[in-house]
Amino acid sequence: MTASILETNVEAVLFDLDGTLMDTPRAIAEQLVAAVQQVTGRRPAVVEAQELVGRPLPVLCAMLARLEPHSALVGEVVEVYRRLYRTEVVPAAASLVFPGVLEGLARLRKHGVTLAVVTSKQSDSARLILEASGMAAYFTTVVGVDDTVLPKPHPDPALLALERLGVDSRAAVFVGDTAHDIGTAGAVPMRAIAVTYGVGTASGLQALQPHGIASEFGAVVDLILSFTPHELRQN
């Protein structure tokens, strides 16, 4: 990461969704297990599913069901999961937002920072839960796994979000809870903040050398604003 990147004021923040803005990994994992069991008869452990959250859904379902990636059964698992997601996870969305997130997003917007979501979810699923959670209005754009050919940790999803926002990568930060998120930031390259309250462990994330680590969302906002002009931080 060059000095010019580190010294550039932050104009935009790209957020991962699951495990970063919302405490959804366990809820998602439970429905993934139910979908795999319904289609294949196999019942994986919830913790096994939770460790895979953050990967593109077809890949995740194939791994969890122990199926070949192009198996027709993978498509069935995906469809069952998507139905369960809408009926079981989305209705609970407001209760799954991490503490301090709504206030933190409002604070960032007040300071003129533009916000986006970059997720391994399908874009329609991401927008659905953002609307249900009350967060949708804070985000200028949402990039889902279906918006680029290559998913995180490839840089394309982040680059697409930056293109839509009209912001240079040097003026942006990626916030996420997994190695894929931090890897995406490194591939762009752009600054990264890792959060330890999601899927990733503090030690594992620290080893990836992000530019900041936060154990709660208020600390994420403080780190972001530490990169912004002094006069903005006075407001």
C-alpha atoms as a PDB file:
ATOM      1  CA  MET A   1       0.000   0.000   0.000  1.00  0.00           C
ATOM      2  CA  THR A   2       1.575   3.269  -1.055  1.00  0.00           C
ATOM      3  CA  ALA A   3       1.923   6.350   1.083  1.00  0.00           C
ATOM      4  CA  SER A   4      -0.349   8.302  -1.289  1.00  0.00           C
ATOM      5  CA  ILE A   5      -3.169   5.860  -0.589  1.00  0.00           C
ATOM      6  CA  LEU A   6      -2.655   6.058   3.146  1.00  0.00           C
ATOM      7  CA  GLU A   7      -2.582   9.840   3.096  1.00  0.00           C
ATOM      8  CA  THR A   8      -5.696  10.367   0.962  1.00  0.00           C
ATOM      9  CA  ASN A   9      -8.893  11.481   2.709  1.00  0.00           C
ATOM     10  CA  VAL A  10     -11.723   8.939   2.740  1.00  0.00           C
ATOM     11  CA  GLU A  11     -14.675   9.791   0.505  1.00  0.00           C
ATOM     12  CA  ALA A  12     -16.364   6.375   0.407  1.00  0.00           C
ATOM     13  CA  VAL A  13     -16.668   3.187   2.434  1.00  0.00           C
ATOM     14  CA  LEU A  14     -17.495  -0.250   1.036  1.00  0.00           C
ATOM     15  CA  PHE A  15     -19.087  -2.560   3.604  1.00  0.00           C
ATOM     16  CA  ASP A  16     -19.441  -6.300   3.600  1.00  0.00           C
ATOM     17  CA  LEU A  17     -22.935  -7.246   4.814  1.00  0.00           C
ATOM     18  CA  ASP A  18     -23.127 -10.560   6.708  1.00  0.00           C
ATOM     19  CA  GLY A  19     -21.025 -10.479   9.862  1.00  0.00           C
ATOM     20  CA  THR A  20     -20.121  -6.821   9.354  1.00  0.00           C
ATOM     21  CA  LEU A  21     -23.384  -4.880   9.365  1.00  0.00           C
ATOM     22  CA  MET A  22     -25.709  -7.675  10.460  1.00  0.00           C
ATOM     23  CA  ASP A  23     -25.430 -10.618  12.831  1.00  0.00           C
ATOM     24  CA  THR A  24     -26.758 -12.963  10.168  1.00  0.00           C
ATOM     25  CA  PRO A  25     -24.141 -15.757   9.887  1.00  0.00           C
ATOM     26  CA  ARG A  26     -25.801 -18.130  12.389  1.00  0.00           C
ATOM     27  CA  ALA A  27     -29.318 -17.442  11.060  1.00  0.00           C
ATOM     28  CA  ILE A  28     -28.055 -18.041   7.525  1.00  0.00           C
ATOM     29  CA  ALA A  29     -26.180 -21.172   8.594  1.00  0.00           C
ATOM     30  CA  GLU A  30     -29.300 -22.665  10.184  1.00  0.00           C
ATOM     31  CA  GLN A  31     -31.286 -22.242   6.971  1.00  0.00           C
ATOM     32  CA  LEU A  32     -28.415 -23.600   4.872  1.00  0.00           C
ATOM     33  CA  VAL A  33     -28.403 -26.730   7.021  1.00  0.00           C
ATOM     34  CA  ALA A  34     -32.167 -27.047   6.611  1.00  0.00           C
ATOM     35  CA  ALA A  35     -31.872 -26.646   2.824  1.00  0.00           C
ATOM     36  CA  VAL A  36     -29.115 -29.249   2.510  1.00  0.00           C
ATOM     37  CA  GLN A  37     -31.055 -31.705   4.640  1.00  0.00           C
ATOM     38  CA  GLN A  38     -34.273 -31.170   2.688  1.00  0.00           C
ATOM     39  CA  VAL A  39     -32.595 -31.811  -0.679  1.00  0.00           C
ATOM     40  CA  THR A  40     -29.942 -34.414   0.157  1.00  0.00           C
ATOM     41  CA  GLY A  41     -30.926 -35.943   3.493  1.00  0.00           C
ATOM     42  CA  ARG A  42     -27.533 -34.968   4.922  1.00  0.00           C
ATOM     43  CA  ARG A  43     -27.598 -32.731   7.984  1.00  0.00           C
ATOM     44  CA  PRO A  44     -24.295 -30.868   8.389  1.00  0.00           C
ATOM     45  CA  ALA A  45     -23.438 -29.127  11.638  1.00  0.00           C
ATOM     46  CA  VAL A  46     -24.507 -25.495  11.939  1.00  0.00           C
ATOM     47  CA  VAL A  47     -20.945 -24.524  12.832  1.00  0.00           C
ATOM     48  CA  GLU A  48     -19.738 -26.097   9.575  1.00  0.00           C
ATOM     49  CA  ALA A  49     -22.173 -23.953   7.626  1.00  0.00           C
ATOM     50  CA  GLN A  50     -21.321 -20.830   9.604  1.00  0.00           C
ATOM     51  CA  GLU A  51     -17.630 -21.167   8.777  1.00  0.00           C
ATOM     52  CA  LEU A  52     -18.497 -21.079   5.069  1.00  0.00           C
ATOM     53  CA  VAL A  53     -20.648 -17.930   5.204  1.00  0.00           C
ATOM     54  CA  GLY A  54     -19.184 -15.238   2.976  1.00  0.00           C
ATOM     55  CA  ARG A  55     -18.594 -17.463  -0.045  1.00  0.00           C
ATOM     56  CA  PRO A  56     -20.850 -17.287  -3.126  1.00  0.00           C
ATOM     57  CA  LEU A  57     -24.019 -19.252  -2.415  1.00  0.00           C
ATOM     58  CA  PRO A  58     -23.605 -22.008  -5.065  1.00  0.00           C
ATOM     59  CA  VAL A  59     -20.034 -22.651  -3.898  1.00  0.00           C
ATOM     60  CA  LEU A  60     -21.097 -22.676  -0.264  1.00  0.00           C
ATOM     61  CA  CYS A  61     -24.019 -25.048  -0.912  1.00  0.00           C
ATOM     62  CA  ALA A  62     -21.849 -27.447  -2.913  1.00  0.00           C
ATOM     63  CA  MET A  63     -19.223 -27.559  -0.159  1.00  0.00           C
ATOM     64  CA  LEU A  64     -21.785 -27.994   2.612  1.00  0.00           C
ATOM     65  CA  ALA A  65     -23.726 -30.707   0.773  1.00  0.00           C
ATOM     66  CA  ARG A  66     -20.492 -32.375  -0.395  1.00  0.00           C
ATOM     67  CA  LEU A  67     -21.624 -32.204  -4.001  1.00  0.00           C
ATOM     68  CA  GLU A  68     -19.815 -31.457  -7.234  1.00  0.00           C
ATOM     69  CA  PRO A  69     -20.134 -27.721  -8.024  1.00  0.00           C
ATOM     70  CA  HIS A  70     -22.103 -28.309 -11.216  1.00  0.00           C
ATOM     71  CA  SER A  71     -24.464 -30.925  -9.772  1.00  0.00           C
ATOM     72  CA  ALA A  72     -28.169 -30.248 -10.385  1.00  0.00           C
ATOM     73  CA  LEU A  73     -28.724 -30.882  -6.669  1.00  0.00           C
ATOM     74  CA  VAL A  74     -26.652 -27.816  -5.841  1.00  0.00           C
ATOM     75  CA  GLY A  75     -29.176 -25.696  -7.719  1.00  0.00           C
ATOM     76  CA  GLU A  76     -31.980 -27.303  -5.712  1.00  0.00           C
ATOM     77  CA  VAL A  77     -30.213 -26.560  -2.423  1.00  0.00           C
ATOM     78  CA  VAL A  78     -29.738 -22.956  -3.518  1.00  0.00           C
ATOM     79  CA  GLU A  79     -33.406 -22.533  -4.383  1.00  0.00           C
ATOM     80  CA  VAL A  80     -34.609 -24.073  -1.122  1.00  0.00           C
ATOM     81  CA  TYR A  81     -32.220 -21.881   0.836  1.00  0.00           C
ATOM     82  CA  ARG A  82     -33.343 -18.735  -0.974  1.00  0.00           C
ATOM     83  CA  ARG A  83     -36.947 -19.523  -0.069  1.00  0.00           C
ATOM     84  CA  LEU A  84     -36.040 -20.132   3.569  1.00  0.00           C
ATOM     85  CA  TYR A  85     -33.984 -16.938   3.598  1.00  0.00           C
ATOM     86  CA  ARG A  86     -37.028 -14.918   2.587  1.00  0.00           C
ATOM     87  CA  THR A  87     -39.405 -16.603   5.022  1.00  0.00           C
ATOM     88  CA  GLU A  88     -37.128 -17.094   8.046  1.00  0.00           C
ATOM     89  CA  VAL A  89     -34.212 -14.628   7.942  1.00  0.00           C
ATOM     90  CA  VAL A  90     -35.595 -11.481   6.288  1.00  0.00           C
ATOM     91  CA  PRO A  91     -38.517 -11.060   8.734  1.00  0.00           C
ATOM     92  CA  ALA A  92     -35.984 -10.942  11.600  1.00  0.00           C
ATOM     93  CA  ALA A  93     -33.725  -8.431   9.817  1.00  0.00           C
ATOM     94  CA  ALA A  94     -34.240  -5.458  12.138  1.00  0.00           C
ATOM     95  CA  SER A  95     -33.212  -7.525  15.166  1.00  0.00           C
ATOM     96  CA  LEU A  96     -30.055  -8.761  13.429  1.00  0.00           C
ATOM     97  CA  VAL A  97     -28.425  -5.346  12.857  1.00  0.00           C
ATOM     98  CA  PHE A  98     -25.310  -5.108  15.029  1.00  0.00           C
ATOM     99  CA  PRO A  99     -25.407  -2.556  17.869  1.00  0.00           C
ATOM    100  CA  GLY A 100     -24.358   0.912  16.794  1.00  0.00           C
ATOM    101  CA  VAL A 101     -24.616   0.283  13.062  1.00  0.00           C
ATOM    102  CA  LEU A 102     -27.568   2.549  12.283  1.00  0.00           C
ATOM    103  CA  GLU A 103     -26.096   5.361  14.352  1.00  0.00           C
ATOM    104  CA  GLY A 104     -22.668   4.819  12.820  1.00  0.00           C
ATOM    105  CA  LEU A 105     -23.948   4.877   9.247  1.00  0.00           C
ATOM    106  CA  ALA A 106     -25.850   8.089   9.972  1.00  0.00           C
ATOM    107  CA  ARG A 107     -22.680   9.613  11.432  1.00  0.00           C
ATOM    108  CA  LEU A 108     -20.661   8.734   8.330  1.00  0.00           C
ATOM    109  CA  ARG A 109     -23.289  10.161   6.007  1.00  0.00           C
ATOM    110  CA  LYS A 110     -23.417  13.335   8.103  1.00  0.00           C
ATOM    111  CA  HIS A 111     -19.706  13.756   7.451  1.00  0.00           C
ATOM    112  CA  GLY A 112     -20.229  13.423   3.708  1.00  0.00           C
ATOM    113  CA  VAL A 113     -18.891   9.883   3.323  1.00  0.00           C
ATOM    114  CA  THR A 114     -20.602   7.882   0.563  1.00  0.00           C
ATOM    115  CA  LEU A 115     -21.496   4.278   1.449  1.00  0.00           C
ATOM    116  CA  ALA A 116     -21.868   1.039  -0.524  1.00  0.00           C
ATOM    117  CA  VAL A 117     -22.409  -2.636   0.208  1.00  0.00           C
ATOM    118  CA  VAL A 118     -20.218  -5.238  -1.499  1.00  0.00           C
ATOM    119  CA  THR A 119     -21.460  -8.720  -0.675  1.00  0.00           C
ATOM    120  CA  SER A 120     -21.281 -12.360  -1.706  1.00  0.00           C
ATOM    121  CA  LYS A 121     -25.094 -12.430  -1.644  1.00  0.00           C
ATOM    122  CA  GLN A 122     -27.174 -12.112  -4.766  1.00  0.00           C
ATOM    123  CA  SER A 123     -27.888  -8.406  -5.164  1.00  0.00           C
ATOM    124  CA  ASP A 124     -31.671  -8.846  -4.856  1.00  0.00           C
ATOM    125  CA  SER A 125     -31.277 -10.770  -1.591  1.00  0.00           C
ATOM    126  CA  ALA A 126     -28.956  -8.089  -0.252  1.00  0.00           C
ATOM    127  CA  ARG A 127     -31.347  -5.285  -1.124  1.00  0.00           C
ATOM    128  CA  LEU A 128     -34.238  -7.219   0.387  1.00  0.00           C
ATOM    129  CA  ILE A 129     -32.604  -7.586   3.796  1.00  0.00           C
ATOM    130  CA  LEU A 130     -31.212  -4.044   3.745  1.00  0.00           C
ATOM    131  CA  GLU A 131     -34.736  -2.734   3.215  1.00  0.00           C
ATOM    132  CA  ALA A 132     -36.149  -4.975   5.937  1.00  0.00           C
ATOM    133  CA  SER A 133     -33.426  -3.936   8.378  1.00  0.00           C
ATOM    134  CA  GLY A 134     -33.893  -0.189   7.865  1.00  0.00           C
ATOM    135  CA  MET A 135     -30.408   0.350   6.427  1.00  0.00           C
ATOM    136  CA  ALA A 136     -31.117   0.639   2.702  1.00  0.00           C
ATOM    137  CA  ALA A 137     -31.392   4.434   2.621  1.00  0.00           C
ATOM    138  CA  TYR A 138     -27.796   4.846   3.797  1.00  0.00           C
ATOM    139  CA  PHE A 139     -26.268   3.098   0.769  1.00  0.00           C
ATOM    140  CA  THR A 140     -25.789   4.624  -2.654  1.00  0.00           C
ATOM    141  CA  THR A 141     -25.203   1.267  -4.344  1.00  0.00           C
ATOM    142  CA  VAL A 142     -25.186  -2.467  -3.640  1.00  0.00           C
ATOM    143  CA  VAL A 143     -22.867  -4.861  -5.483  1.00  0.00           C
ATOM    144  CA  GLY A 144     -23.842  -8.518  -5.246  1.00  0.00           C
ATOM    145  CA  VAL A 145     -22.142 -11.686  -6.382  1.00  0.00           C
ATOM    146  CA  ASP A 146     -24.233 -11.632  -9.578  1.00  0.00           C
ATOM    147  CA  ASP A 147     -22.905  -8.227 -10.617  1.00  0.00           C
ATOM    148  CA  THR A 148     -19.387  -9.385 -11.553  1.00  0.00           C
ATOM    149  CA  VAL A 149     -17.928 -12.489 -13.127  1.00  0.00           C
ATOM    150  CA  LEU A 150     -15.433 -13.014 -10.314  1.00  0.00           C
ATOM    151  CA  PRO A 151     -16.451 -12.693  -6.630  1.00  0.00           C
ATOM    152  CA  LYS A 152     -14.497 -11.527  -3.581  1.00  0.00           C
ATOM    153  CA  PRO A 153     -11.562 -11.786  -2.927  1.00  0.00           C
ATOM    154  CA  HIS A 154     -11.083 -10.774  -6.577  1.00  0.00           C
ATOM    155  CA  PRO A 155     -11.034  -6.964  -6.813  1.00  0.00           C
ATOM    156  CA  ASP A 156     -13.826  -6.686  -9.402  1.00  0.00           C
ATOM    157  CA  PRO A 157     -16.776  -6.299  -6.945  1.00  0.00           C
ATOM    158  CA  ALA A 158     -15.022  -3.471  -5.089  1.00  0.00           C
ATOM    159  CA  LEU A 159     -13.900  -1.850  -8.349  1.00  0.00           C
ATOM    160  CA  LEU A 160     -17.467  -1.924  -9.663  1.00  0.00           C
ATOM    161  CA  ALA A 161     -18.755  -0.270  -6.480  1.00  0.00           C
ATOM    162  CA  LEU A 162     -16.084   2.445  -6.756  1.00  0.00           C
ATOM    163  CA  GLU A 163     -16.952   2.996 -10.417  1.00  0.00           C
ATOM    164  CA  ARG A 164     -20.622   3.409  -9.539  1.00  0.00           C
ATOM    165  CA  LEU A 165     -19.737   5.851  -6.769  1.00  0.00           C
ATOM    166  CA  GLY A 166     -17.245   7.757  -8.907  1.00  0.00           C
ATOM    167  CA  VAL A 167     -14.581   7.462  -6.202  1.00  0.00           C
ATOM    168  CA  ASP A 168     -10.895   6.604  -6.600  1.00  0.00           C
ATOM    169  CA  SER A 169      -9.717   3.555  -4.652  1.00  0.00           C
ATOM    170  CA  ARG A 170      -7.170   5.729  -2.836  1.00  0.00           C
ATOM    171  CA  ALA A 171     -10.081   7.631  -1.271  1.00  0.00           C
ATOM    172  CA  ALA A 172     -11.970   4.552  -0.095  1.00  0.00           C
ATOM    173  CA  VAL A 173     -11.962   1.948   2.672  1.00  0.00           C
ATOM    174  CA  PHE A 174     -13.254  -1.630   2.668  1.00  0.00           C
ATOM    175  CA  VAL A 175     -14.782  -2.919   5.943  1.00  0.00           C
ATOM    176  CA  GLY A 176     -15.333  -6.634   6.467  1.00  0.00           C
ATOM    177  CA  ASP A 177     -15.089  -9.593   8.806  1.00  0.00           C
ATOM    178  CA  THR A 178     -13.400 -12.257   6.662  1.00  0.00           C
ATOM    179  CA  ALA A 179     -10.168 -12.946   4.827  1.00  0.00           C
ATOM    180  CA  HIS A 180     -12.068 -12.552   1.543  1.00  0.00           C
ATOM    181  CA  ASP A 181     -12.963  -8.980   2.475  1.00  0.00           C
ATOM    182  CA  ILE A 182      -9.451  -8.009   3.483  1.00  0.00           C
ATOM    183  CA  GLY A 183      -8.094  -9.824   0.419  1.00  0.00           C
ATOM    184  CA  THR A 184     -10.426  -7.831  -1.822  1.00  0.00           C
ATOM    185  CA  ALA A 185      -9.102  -4.584  -0.391  1.00  0.00           C
ATOM    186  CA  GLY A 186      -5.526  -5.724  -0.921  1.00  0.00           C
ATOM    187  CA  ALA A 187      -6.235  -6.738  -4.507  1.00  0.00           C
ATOM    188  CA  VAL A 188      -7.646  -3.318  -5.472  1.00  0.00           C
ATOM    189  CA  PRO A 189      -5.569  -1.964  -3.559  1.00  0.00           C
ATOM    190  CA  MET A 190      -7.375   0.130  -0.947  1.00  0.00           C
ATOM    191  CA  ARG A 191      -7.412   0.530   2.800  1.00  0.00           C
ATOM    192  CA  ALA A 192      -9.087  -2.157   4.882  1.00  0.00           C
ATOM    193  CA  ILE A 193     -10.672  -2.303   8.323  1.00  0.00           C
ATOM    194  CA  ALA A 194     -11.329  -5.738   9.799  1.00  0.00           C
ATOM    195  CA  VAL A 195     -14.079  -6.323  12.367  1.00  0.00           C
ATOM    196  CA  THR A 196     -13.683  -9.079  14.945  1.00  0.00           C
ATOM    197  CA  TYR A 197     -17.343  -9.472  15.947  1.00  0.00           C
ATOM    198  CA  GLY A 198     -18.282 -11.438  12.797  1.00  0.00           C
ATOM    199  CA  VAL A 199     -16.993 -14.698  11.334  1.00  0.00           C
ATOM    200  CA  GLY A 200     -13.247 -14.029  11.354  1.00  0.00           C
ATOM    201  CA  THR A 201     -11.038 -14.344  14.430  1.00  0.00           C
ATOM    202  CA  ALA A 202      -8.992 -11.427  15.747  1.00  0.00           C
ATOM    203  CA  SER A 203      -5.713 -13.311  15.324  1.00  0.00           C
ATOM    204  CA  GLY A 204      -6.557 -14.491  11.827  1.00  0.00           C
ATOM    205  CA  LEU A 205      -7.591 -11.020  10.686  1.00  0.00           C
ATOM    206  CA  GLN A 206      -4.580  -9.371  12.306  1.00  0.00           C
ATOM    207  CA  ALA A 207      -2.318 -11.685  10.329  1.00  0.00           C
ATOM    208  CA  LEU A 208      -3.732 -10.172   7.127  1.00  0.00           C
ATOM    209  CA  GLN A 209      -2.408  -6.750   8.180  1.00  0.00           C
ATOM    210  CA  PRO A 210      -5.470  -4.555   7.662  1.00  0.00           C
ATOM    211  CA  HIS A 211      -5.107  -0.841   8.351  1.00  0.00           C
ATOM    212  CA  GLY A 212      -7.351  -1.102  11.379  1.00  0.00           C
ATOM    213  CA  ILE A 213      -9.148  -3.666  13.523  1.00  0.00           C
ATOM    214  CA  ALA A 214     -12.354  -2.965  15.435  1.00  0.00           C
ATOM    215  CA  SER A 215     -14.286  -5.005  17.975  1.00  0.00           C
ATOM    216  CA  GLU A 216     -17.474  -2.929  17.686  1.00  0.00           C
ATOM    217  CA  PHE A 217     -19.048  -0.687  15.060  1.00  0.00           C
ATOM    218  CA  GLY A 218     -18.430   2.594  16.832  1.00  0.00           C
ATOM    219  CA  ALA A 219     -14.715   1.891  16.612  1.00  0.00           C
ATOM    220  CA  VAL A 220     -15.092   1.252  12.859  1.00  0.00           C
ATOM    221  CA  VAL A 221     -16.576   4.721  12.411  1.00  0.00           C
ATOM    222  CA  ASP A 222     -13.851   6.308  14.525  1.00  0.00           C
ATOM    223  CA  LEU A 223     -11.176   4.672  12.377  1.00  0.00           C
ATOM    224  CA  ILE A 224     -12.832   5.823   9.157  1.00  0.00           C
ATOM    225  CA  LEU A 225     -13.210   9.389  10.374  1.00  0.00           C
ATOM    226  CA  SER A 226      -9.584   9.426  11.447  1.00  0.00           C
ATOM    227  CA  PHE A 227      -8.805   9.389   7.705  1.00  0.00           C
ATOM    228  CA  THR A 228     -11.148  12.289   6.880  1.00  0.00           C
ATOM    229  CA  PRO A 229     -10.418  16.030   6.889  1.00  0.00           C
ATOM    230  CA  HIS A 230     -10.036  17.563  10.339  1.00  0.00           C
ATOM    231  CA  GLU A 231     -12.749  20.152   9.720  1.00  0.00           C
ATOM    232  CA  LEU A 232     -15.320  17.435   9.027  1.00  0.00           C
ATOM    233  CA  ARG A 233     -14.538  15.659  12.269  1.00  0.00           C
ATOM    234  CA  GLN A 234     -15.404  18.774  14.215  1.00  0.00           C
ATOM    235  CA  ASN A 235     -19.086  18.547  13.248  1.00  0.00           C
END
